[in-house]
N, C-alpha and C. Protein backbone atom coordinates (compact mmCIF):
# COMPACT_ATOMS: atom_id res chain seq x y z
N MET A 1 34.70 -15.45 0.17
CA MET A 1 36.08 -15.25 0.58
C MET A 1 36.37 -15.98 1.90
N GLU A 2 35.39 -15.97 2.79
CA GLU A 2 35.56 -16.62 4.08
C GLU A 2 35.69 -18.13 3.91
N LYS A 3 34.99 -18.71 2.94
CA LYS A 3 35.07 -20.15 2.68
C LYS A 3 36.46 -20.54 2.17
N ILE A 4 37.04 -19.67 1.36
CA ILE A 4 38.38 -19.94 0.84
C ILE A 4 39.39 -19.93 1.98
N ILE A 5 39.29 -18.96 2.86
CA ILE A 5 40.21 -18.86 4.00
C ILE A 5 40.04 -20.07 4.92
N ASP A 6 38.78 -20.47 5.17
CA ASP A 6 38.52 -21.64 6.01
C ASP A 6 39.12 -22.90 5.38
N PHE A 7 39.00 -23.02 4.05
CA PHE A 7 39.55 -24.18 3.35
C PHE A 7 41.08 -24.21 3.46
N ILE A 8 41.70 -23.05 3.25
CA ILE A 8 43.16 -22.97 3.30
C ILE A 8 43.69 -23.26 4.70
N LEU A 9 42.95 -22.87 5.72
CA LEU A 9 43.40 -23.06 7.09
C LEU A 9 43.11 -24.46 7.64
N LYS A 10 42.51 -25.32 6.85
CA LYS A 10 42.30 -26.70 7.29
C LYS A 10 43.66 -27.38 7.45
N LYS A 11 43.73 -28.26 8.44
CA LYS A 11 45.01 -28.94 8.69
C LYS A 11 45.44 -29.79 7.50
N GLU A 12 44.48 -30.30 6.70
CA GLU A 12 44.81 -31.13 5.56
C GLU A 12 45.44 -30.32 4.42
N VAL A 13 45.23 -29.01 4.42
CA VAL A 13 45.80 -28.16 3.38
C VAL A 13 47.09 -27.51 3.87
N ILE A 14 47.02 -26.87 5.02
CA ILE A 14 48.18 -26.12 5.51
C ILE A 14 49.23 -27.04 6.14
N GLY A 15 48.80 -28.18 6.70
CA GLY A 15 49.74 -29.10 7.35
C GLY A 15 50.85 -29.57 6.43
N PRO A 16 50.52 -30.16 5.27
CA PRO A 16 51.60 -30.61 4.37
C PRO A 16 52.51 -29.47 3.90
N VAL A 17 51.93 -28.30 3.68
CA VAL A 17 52.74 -27.15 3.25
C VAL A 17 53.75 -26.79 4.34
N VAL A 18 53.28 -26.74 5.59
CA VAL A 18 54.17 -26.40 6.70
C VAL A 18 55.25 -27.48 6.87
N VAL A 19 54.84 -28.74 6.78
CA VAL A 19 55.80 -29.85 6.91
C VAL A 19 56.89 -29.73 5.85
N LEU A 20 56.50 -29.50 4.60
CA LEU A 20 57.48 -29.40 3.52
C LEU A 20 58.39 -28.18 3.67
N LEU A 21 57.82 -27.05 4.07
CA LEU A 21 58.64 -25.85 4.27
C LEU A 21 59.65 -26.04 5.40
N VAL A 22 59.19 -26.60 6.52
CA VAL A 22 60.09 -26.84 7.65
C VAL A 22 61.18 -27.83 7.24
N SER A 23 60.82 -28.85 6.48
CA SER A 23 61.80 -29.84 6.03
C SER A 23 62.83 -29.22 5.11
N MET A 24 62.39 -28.38 4.18
CA MET A 24 63.33 -27.74 3.26
C MET A 24 64.31 -26.83 4.00
N ILE A 25 63.79 -26.06 4.94
CA ILE A 25 64.65 -25.18 5.73
C ILE A 25 65.61 -26.01 6.59
N GLY A 26 65.06 -27.04 7.23
CA GLY A 26 65.89 -27.92 8.06
C GLY A 26 66.97 -28.61 7.26
N TYR A 27 66.62 -29.06 6.05
CA TYR A 27 67.60 -29.73 5.19
C TYR A 27 68.73 -28.77 4.82
N LYS A 28 68.40 -27.55 4.49
CA LYS A 28 69.44 -26.58 4.13
C LYS A 28 70.37 -26.30 5.31
N ILE A 29 69.79 -26.19 6.51
CA ILE A 29 70.59 -25.95 7.71
C ILE A 29 71.49 -27.15 8.00
N ILE A 30 70.91 -28.35 7.95
CA ILE A 30 71.69 -29.57 8.21
C ILE A 30 72.81 -29.72 7.18
N LYS A 31 72.52 -29.40 5.92
CA LYS A 31 73.52 -29.50 4.86
C LYS A 31 74.70 -28.57 5.13
N LYS A 32 74.42 -27.34 5.57
CA LYS A 32 75.51 -26.39 5.87
C LYS A 32 76.33 -26.85 7.07
N ILE A 33 75.63 -27.35 8.10
CA ILE A 33 76.34 -27.86 9.27
C ILE A 33 77.21 -29.06 8.89
N LEU A 34 76.67 -29.95 8.08
CA LEU A 34 77.41 -31.13 7.63
C LEU A 34 78.66 -30.72 6.86
N ARG A 35 78.52 -29.77 5.95
CA ARG A 35 79.67 -29.31 5.15
C ARG A 35 80.75 -28.72 6.05
N LYS A 36 80.36 -27.88 7.00
CA LYS A 36 81.33 -27.28 7.92
C LYS A 36 82.00 -28.36 8.77
N PHE A 37 81.20 -29.31 9.28
CA PHE A 37 81.74 -30.37 10.12
C PHE A 37 82.75 -31.22 9.35
N ILE A 38 82.41 -31.61 8.14
CA ILE A 38 83.33 -32.43 7.33
C ILE A 38 84.59 -31.66 7.00
N ASP A 39 84.46 -30.38 6.66
CA ASP A 39 85.64 -29.58 6.33
C ASP A 39 86.54 -29.38 7.55
N LEU A 40 85.94 -29.18 8.73
CA LEU A 40 86.74 -28.98 9.93
C LEU A 40 87.40 -30.26 10.42
N GLN A 41 86.69 -31.38 10.33
CA GLN A 41 87.19 -32.64 10.85
C GLN A 41 88.20 -33.32 9.93
N SER A 42 88.23 -32.92 8.69
CA SER A 42 89.05 -33.68 7.75
C SER A 42 90.00 -32.79 6.96
N LYS A 43 90.79 -32.01 7.65
CA LYS A 43 91.77 -31.15 6.98
C LYS A 43 92.83 -31.96 6.25
N LYS A 44 93.09 -33.19 6.72
CA LYS A 44 94.13 -34.02 6.12
C LYS A 44 93.64 -34.75 4.87
N ILE A 45 92.33 -34.76 4.66
CA ILE A 45 91.74 -35.50 3.54
C ILE A 45 91.65 -34.59 2.32
N ASP A 46 91.94 -35.16 1.14
CA ASP A 46 91.88 -34.35 -0.07
C ASP A 46 90.43 -33.95 -0.40
N GLN A 47 90.27 -32.94 -1.23
CA GLN A 47 88.97 -32.34 -1.53
C GLN A 47 88.01 -33.35 -2.18
N LYS A 48 88.51 -34.20 -3.06
CA LYS A 48 87.64 -35.18 -3.72
C LYS A 48 86.99 -36.12 -2.70
N ARG A 49 87.77 -36.58 -1.76
CA ARG A 49 87.24 -37.50 -0.74
C ARG A 49 86.28 -36.78 0.18
N ARG A 50 86.58 -35.54 0.53
CA ARG A 50 85.64 -34.75 1.36
C ARG A 50 84.32 -34.59 0.65
N ASN A 51 84.38 -34.29 -0.68
CA ASN A 51 83.14 -34.15 -1.45
C ASN A 51 82.36 -35.46 -1.50
N THR A 52 83.07 -36.57 -1.67
CA THR A 52 82.41 -37.87 -1.71
C THR A 52 81.69 -38.15 -0.40
N ILE A 53 82.36 -37.90 0.71
CA ILE A 53 81.76 -38.10 2.04
C ILE A 53 80.56 -37.19 2.21
N PHE A 54 80.70 -35.92 1.81
CA PHE A 54 79.61 -34.96 1.94
C PHE A 54 78.39 -35.40 1.14
N TYR A 55 78.58 -35.76 -0.12
CA TYR A 55 77.45 -36.16 -0.95
C TYR A 55 76.81 -37.46 -0.48
N LEU A 56 77.59 -38.35 0.07
CA LEU A 56 77.06 -39.59 0.61
C LEU A 56 76.13 -39.31 1.79
N PHE A 57 76.61 -38.53 2.75
CA PHE A 57 75.78 -38.21 3.91
C PHE A 57 74.60 -37.31 3.54
N LYS A 58 74.80 -36.41 2.59
CA LYS A 58 73.72 -35.54 2.14
C LYS A 58 72.58 -36.36 1.54
N SER A 59 72.92 -37.36 0.76
CA SER A 59 71.90 -38.22 0.16
C SER A 59 71.14 -39.01 1.23
N ILE A 60 71.85 -39.53 2.20
CA ILE A 60 71.21 -40.28 3.28
C ILE A 60 70.26 -39.38 4.06
N ILE A 61 70.69 -38.17 4.37
CA ILE A 61 69.84 -37.23 5.11
C ILE A 61 68.61 -36.85 4.30
N LYS A 62 68.79 -36.63 3.01
CA LYS A 62 67.66 -36.28 2.14
C LYS A 62 66.61 -37.39 2.12
N ILE A 63 67.06 -38.63 2.03
CA ILE A 63 66.12 -39.77 2.02
C ILE A 63 65.39 -39.87 3.35
N LEU A 64 66.11 -39.70 4.45
CA LEU A 64 65.47 -39.77 5.77
C LEU A 64 64.43 -38.68 5.97
N ILE A 65 64.76 -37.46 5.56
CA ILE A 65 63.82 -36.35 5.69
C ILE A 65 62.60 -36.59 4.81
N PHE A 66 62.80 -37.07 3.59
CA PHE A 66 61.69 -37.35 2.68
C PHE A 66 60.75 -38.41 3.27
N ALA A 67 61.32 -39.48 3.82
CA ALA A 67 60.51 -40.54 4.42
C ALA A 67 59.73 -40.02 5.62
N LEU A 68 60.38 -39.21 6.43
CA LEU A 68 59.71 -38.62 7.60
C LEU A 68 58.58 -37.69 7.16
N ASP A 69 58.81 -36.90 6.12
CA ASP A 69 57.76 -36.02 5.59
C ASP A 69 56.54 -36.82 5.14
N ILE A 70 56.78 -37.89 4.42
CA ILE A 70 55.67 -38.72 3.95
C ILE A 70 54.87 -39.26 5.13
N LEU A 71 55.56 -39.75 6.15
CA LEU A 71 54.86 -40.29 7.31
C LEU A 71 54.06 -39.22 8.05
N ILE A 72 54.62 -38.04 8.20
CA ILE A 72 53.91 -36.95 8.88
C ILE A 72 52.68 -36.53 8.08
N ILE A 73 52.82 -36.40 6.77
CA ILE A 73 51.70 -35.99 5.92
C ILE A 73 50.61 -37.05 5.93
N LEU A 74 50.99 -38.33 5.88
CA LEU A 74 49.99 -39.39 5.97
C LEU A 74 49.26 -39.35 7.31
N GLU A 75 49.98 -39.05 8.37
CA GLU A 75 49.37 -38.92 9.70
C GLU A 75 48.37 -37.77 9.71
N ILE A 76 48.70 -36.66 9.06
CA ILE A 76 47.79 -35.52 8.98
C ILE A 76 46.48 -35.92 8.30
N TYR A 77 46.57 -36.76 7.27
CA TYR A 77 45.38 -37.19 6.54
C TYR A 77 44.66 -38.36 7.20
N GLY A 78 45.12 -38.79 8.38
CA GLY A 78 44.41 -39.79 9.14
C GLY A 78 44.82 -41.23 8.91
N PHE A 79 45.91 -41.46 8.19
CA PHE A 79 46.39 -42.83 7.99
C PHE A 79 47.08 -43.33 9.25
N ASP A 80 47.00 -44.63 9.48
CA ASP A 80 47.66 -45.25 10.62
C ASP A 80 49.13 -45.50 10.26
N THR A 81 49.97 -44.57 10.62
CA THR A 81 51.39 -44.67 10.24
C THR A 81 52.12 -45.75 11.02
N LYS A 82 51.60 -46.13 12.19
CA LYS A 82 52.24 -47.22 12.94
C LYS A 82 52.18 -48.51 12.15
N ALA A 83 51.06 -48.77 11.50
CA ALA A 83 50.93 -49.97 10.68
C ALA A 83 51.86 -49.90 9.47
N ILE A 84 51.99 -48.71 8.90
CA ILE A 84 52.88 -48.54 7.74
C ILE A 84 54.33 -48.78 8.16
N ILE A 85 54.73 -48.23 9.30
CA ILE A 85 56.10 -48.40 9.78
C ILE A 85 56.38 -49.87 10.08
N THR A 86 55.41 -50.54 10.69
CA THR A 86 55.57 -51.97 10.98
C THR A 86 55.72 -52.77 9.69
N SER A 87 54.88 -52.48 8.71
CA SER A 87 54.96 -53.18 7.42
C SER A 87 56.30 -52.93 6.74
N LEU A 88 56.73 -51.67 6.76
CA LEU A 88 58.02 -51.34 6.14
C LEU A 88 59.18 -52.02 6.86
N SER A 89 59.06 -52.17 8.17
CA SER A 89 60.11 -52.86 8.93
C SER A 89 60.22 -54.32 8.51
N VAL A 90 59.07 -54.98 8.38
CA VAL A 90 59.07 -56.38 7.95
C VAL A 90 59.64 -56.49 6.54
N ILE A 91 59.21 -55.60 5.65
CA ILE A 91 59.72 -55.61 4.28
C ILE A 91 61.23 -55.35 4.28
N GLY A 92 61.67 -54.44 5.13
CA GLY A 92 63.10 -54.14 5.23
C GLY A 92 63.93 -55.34 5.66
N VAL A 93 63.41 -56.11 6.60
CA VAL A 93 64.11 -57.31 7.05
C VAL A 93 64.20 -58.32 5.92
N VAL A 94 63.09 -58.53 5.22
CA VAL A 94 63.07 -59.49 4.11
C VAL A 94 64.03 -59.06 3.00
N VAL A 95 63.98 -57.79 2.63
CA VAL A 95 64.87 -57.28 1.58
C VAL A 95 66.34 -57.36 2.05
N GLY A 96 66.57 -57.03 3.32
CA GLY A 96 67.92 -57.11 3.86
C GLY A 96 68.50 -58.51 3.80
N LEU A 97 67.67 -59.50 4.12
CA LEU A 97 68.13 -60.88 4.03
C LEU A 97 68.35 -61.31 2.59
N ALA A 98 67.46 -60.86 1.70
CA ALA A 98 67.57 -61.25 0.29
C ALA A 98 68.79 -60.62 -0.38
N PHE A 99 69.14 -59.43 0.02
CA PHE A 99 70.25 -58.70 -0.62
C PHE A 99 71.46 -58.55 0.30
N GLN A 100 71.71 -59.57 1.11
CA GLN A 100 72.82 -59.51 2.06
C GLN A 100 74.15 -59.19 1.40
N ASP A 101 74.47 -59.89 0.33
CA ASP A 101 75.77 -59.67 -0.32
C ASP A 101 75.89 -58.27 -0.89
N LEU A 102 74.81 -57.77 -1.48
CA LEU A 102 74.83 -56.42 -2.03
C LEU A 102 75.01 -55.38 -0.92
N ILE A 103 74.35 -55.59 0.20
CA ILE A 103 74.47 -54.67 1.33
C ILE A 103 75.88 -54.72 1.90
N LYS A 104 76.45 -55.92 2.00
CA LYS A 104 77.85 -56.04 2.48
C LYS A 104 78.80 -55.28 1.57
N ALA A 105 78.63 -55.44 0.26
CA ALA A 105 79.50 -54.76 -0.71
C ALA A 105 79.34 -53.25 -0.60
N PHE A 106 78.09 -52.79 -0.44
CA PHE A 106 77.83 -51.36 -0.33
C PHE A 106 78.48 -50.78 0.92
N ILE A 107 78.33 -51.46 2.05
CA ILE A 107 78.93 -50.98 3.30
C ILE A 107 80.45 -51.01 3.21
N ALA A 108 81.00 -52.06 2.60
CA ALA A 108 82.45 -52.13 2.42
C ALA A 108 82.93 -51.00 1.51
N GLY A 109 82.16 -50.68 0.47
CA GLY A 109 82.53 -49.58 -0.42
C GLY A 109 82.56 -48.25 0.31
N ILE A 110 81.57 -48.03 1.17
CA ILE A 110 81.56 -46.80 1.98
C ILE A 110 82.79 -46.76 2.88
N THR A 111 83.13 -47.89 3.48
CA THR A 111 84.30 -47.96 4.35
C THR A 111 85.57 -47.67 3.58
N ILE A 112 85.69 -48.23 2.38
CA ILE A 112 86.89 -47.99 1.55
C ILE A 112 87.02 -46.50 1.24
N VAL A 113 85.91 -45.87 0.89
CA VAL A 113 85.95 -44.44 0.55
C VAL A 113 86.27 -43.61 1.79
N LEU A 114 85.59 -43.88 2.91
CA LEU A 114 85.79 -43.08 4.13
C LEU A 114 87.21 -43.24 4.69
N GLU A 115 87.72 -44.46 4.67
CA GLU A 115 89.04 -44.70 5.24
C GLU A 115 90.16 -44.44 4.24
N GLY A 116 89.82 -44.30 2.98
CA GLY A 116 90.85 -44.03 1.96
C GLY A 116 91.82 -45.18 1.80
N GLN A 117 91.33 -46.43 1.88
CA GLN A 117 92.20 -47.60 1.79
C GLN A 117 92.95 -47.62 0.47
N TYR A 118 92.27 -47.28 -0.61
CA TYR A 118 92.91 -47.11 -1.91
C TYR A 118 92.04 -46.19 -2.76
N ARG A 119 92.64 -45.64 -3.81
CA ARG A 119 91.95 -44.69 -4.69
C ARG A 119 92.19 -45.07 -6.13
N VAL A 120 91.46 -44.43 -7.01
CA VAL A 120 91.68 -44.62 -8.44
C VAL A 120 93.11 -44.18 -8.75
N GLY A 121 93.83 -45.03 -9.47
CA GLY A 121 95.22 -44.74 -9.81
C GLY A 121 96.22 -45.51 -8.96
N ASP A 122 95.80 -46.02 -7.79
CA ASP A 122 96.68 -46.80 -6.93
C ASP A 122 96.89 -48.19 -7.54
N VAL A 123 98.06 -48.74 -7.31
CA VAL A 123 98.35 -50.12 -7.73
C VAL A 123 98.16 -50.99 -6.49
N ILE A 124 97.25 -51.98 -6.61
CA ILE A 124 96.94 -52.84 -5.48
C ILE A 124 96.95 -54.31 -5.92
N GLU A 125 96.97 -55.19 -4.93
CA GLU A 125 96.87 -56.62 -5.21
C GLU A 125 95.77 -57.20 -4.34
N ILE A 126 94.80 -57.83 -4.99
CA ILE A 126 93.67 -58.44 -4.29
C ILE A 126 93.50 -59.86 -4.83
N GLY A 127 93.58 -60.83 -3.95
CA GLY A 127 93.40 -62.22 -4.35
C GLY A 127 94.38 -62.68 -5.41
N GLY A 128 95.62 -62.20 -5.34
CA GLY A 128 96.63 -62.61 -6.31
C GLY A 128 96.58 -61.85 -7.62
N PHE A 129 95.63 -60.93 -7.77
CA PHE A 129 95.53 -60.14 -9.00
C PHE A 129 96.07 -58.75 -8.70
N LYS A 130 97.13 -58.36 -9.42
CA LYS A 130 97.77 -57.07 -9.19
C LYS A 130 97.50 -56.15 -10.36
N GLY A 131 97.13 -54.91 -10.06
CA GLY A 131 96.87 -53.96 -11.11
C GLY A 131 96.52 -52.58 -10.57
N GLU A 132 96.21 -51.69 -11.50
CA GLU A 132 95.88 -50.31 -11.16
C GLU A 132 94.36 -50.18 -11.02
N VAL A 133 93.94 -49.49 -9.97
CA VAL A 133 92.52 -49.25 -9.76
C VAL A 133 92.06 -48.24 -10.81
N ILE A 134 91.11 -48.65 -11.65
CA ILE A 134 90.60 -47.74 -12.68
C ILE A 134 89.19 -47.26 -12.37
N TYR A 135 88.53 -47.93 -11.42
CA TYR A 135 87.18 -47.52 -11.00
C TYR A 135 86.96 -47.98 -9.57
N LEU A 136 86.44 -47.08 -8.75
CA LEU A 136 86.13 -47.40 -7.37
C LEU A 136 84.70 -46.96 -7.10
N GLY A 137 83.80 -47.92 -6.99
CA GLY A 137 82.41 -47.64 -6.70
C GLY A 137 82.06 -48.13 -5.32
N LEU A 138 80.81 -47.90 -4.92
CA LEU A 138 80.39 -48.37 -3.62
C LEU A 138 80.14 -49.88 -3.60
N LYS A 139 79.90 -50.46 -4.76
CA LYS A 139 79.62 -51.90 -4.83
C LYS A 139 80.83 -52.71 -5.29
N SER A 140 81.61 -52.16 -6.21
CA SER A 140 82.72 -52.94 -6.77
C SER A 140 83.90 -52.03 -7.13
N THR A 141 85.03 -52.71 -7.40
CA THR A 141 86.26 -52.03 -7.81
C THR A 141 86.77 -52.70 -9.08
N LYS A 142 87.18 -51.88 -10.06
CA LYS A 142 87.76 -52.43 -11.29
C LYS A 142 89.28 -52.21 -11.23
N ILE A 143 89.99 -53.30 -11.53
CA ILE A 143 91.46 -53.26 -11.51
C ILE A 143 91.96 -53.69 -12.89
N LYS A 144 92.92 -52.94 -13.42
CA LYS A 144 93.50 -53.25 -14.73
C LYS A 144 94.95 -53.68 -14.53
N ALA A 145 95.24 -54.91 -14.95
CA ALA A 145 96.61 -55.46 -14.83
C ALA A 145 97.50 -54.85 -15.91
N ALA A 146 98.78 -55.03 -15.76
CA ALA A 146 99.75 -54.52 -16.73
C ALA A 146 99.55 -55.18 -18.10
N THR A 147 98.97 -56.38 -18.11
CA THR A 147 98.71 -57.10 -19.37
C THR A 147 97.48 -56.57 -20.09
N GLY A 148 96.73 -55.69 -19.43
CA GLY A 148 95.52 -55.14 -20.03
C GLY A 148 94.25 -55.82 -19.55
N GLU A 149 94.41 -56.91 -18.83
CA GLU A 149 93.25 -57.64 -18.30
C GLU A 149 92.57 -56.79 -17.21
N ILE A 150 91.23 -56.74 -17.28
CA ILE A 150 90.46 -55.98 -16.30
C ILE A 150 89.66 -56.95 -15.45
N LYS A 151 89.73 -56.77 -14.14
CA LYS A 151 89.00 -57.63 -13.22
C LYS A 151 88.09 -56.75 -12.36
N ILE A 152 86.85 -57.17 -12.22
CA ILE A 152 85.90 -56.47 -11.36
C ILE A 152 85.77 -57.28 -10.07
N ILE A 153 86.03 -56.62 -8.95
CA ILE A 153 86.03 -57.30 -7.65
C ILE A 153 84.99 -56.63 -6.76
N SER A 154 84.16 -57.45 -6.13
CA SER A 154 83.18 -56.93 -5.18
C SER A 154 83.91 -56.33 -3.98
N ASN A 155 83.43 -55.25 -3.45
CA ASN A 155 84.11 -54.60 -2.33
C ASN A 155 84.05 -55.39 -1.03
N HIS A 156 83.13 -56.31 -0.90
CA HIS A 156 83.07 -57.04 0.37
C HIS A 156 84.06 -58.18 0.35
């Protein structure tokens, strides 16, 4: 029985469990604070847009917490996380340069959603093409002209 307790109390066993529990509790707290903050700051914004903003930030926070958990757990097991972070930084720069246009479109899509520049159902004109917005994504927007022609336009 004493060997089992000693095994369970090893940092390699209890450390990851504690890290994951603290992260789950922290995520739930951050999520509630985020929801309250968005609801208080954006009384003028409709519910759909508030939900979109909430889910966008919630996803970003979830990814950041997950990445931090992995790094902490790897550190517990003795991996050199500084080398991993450095490698990931270099990879991030290379991927960022390779996918510049995609990243621009994604950031522009976030801006369109946050600022409410236009929504599905609005009639807009972009580059001489006038029509109704039938789809608004983070990467692109679909516009349907009165003639039935559909044009997909990158958000950047």
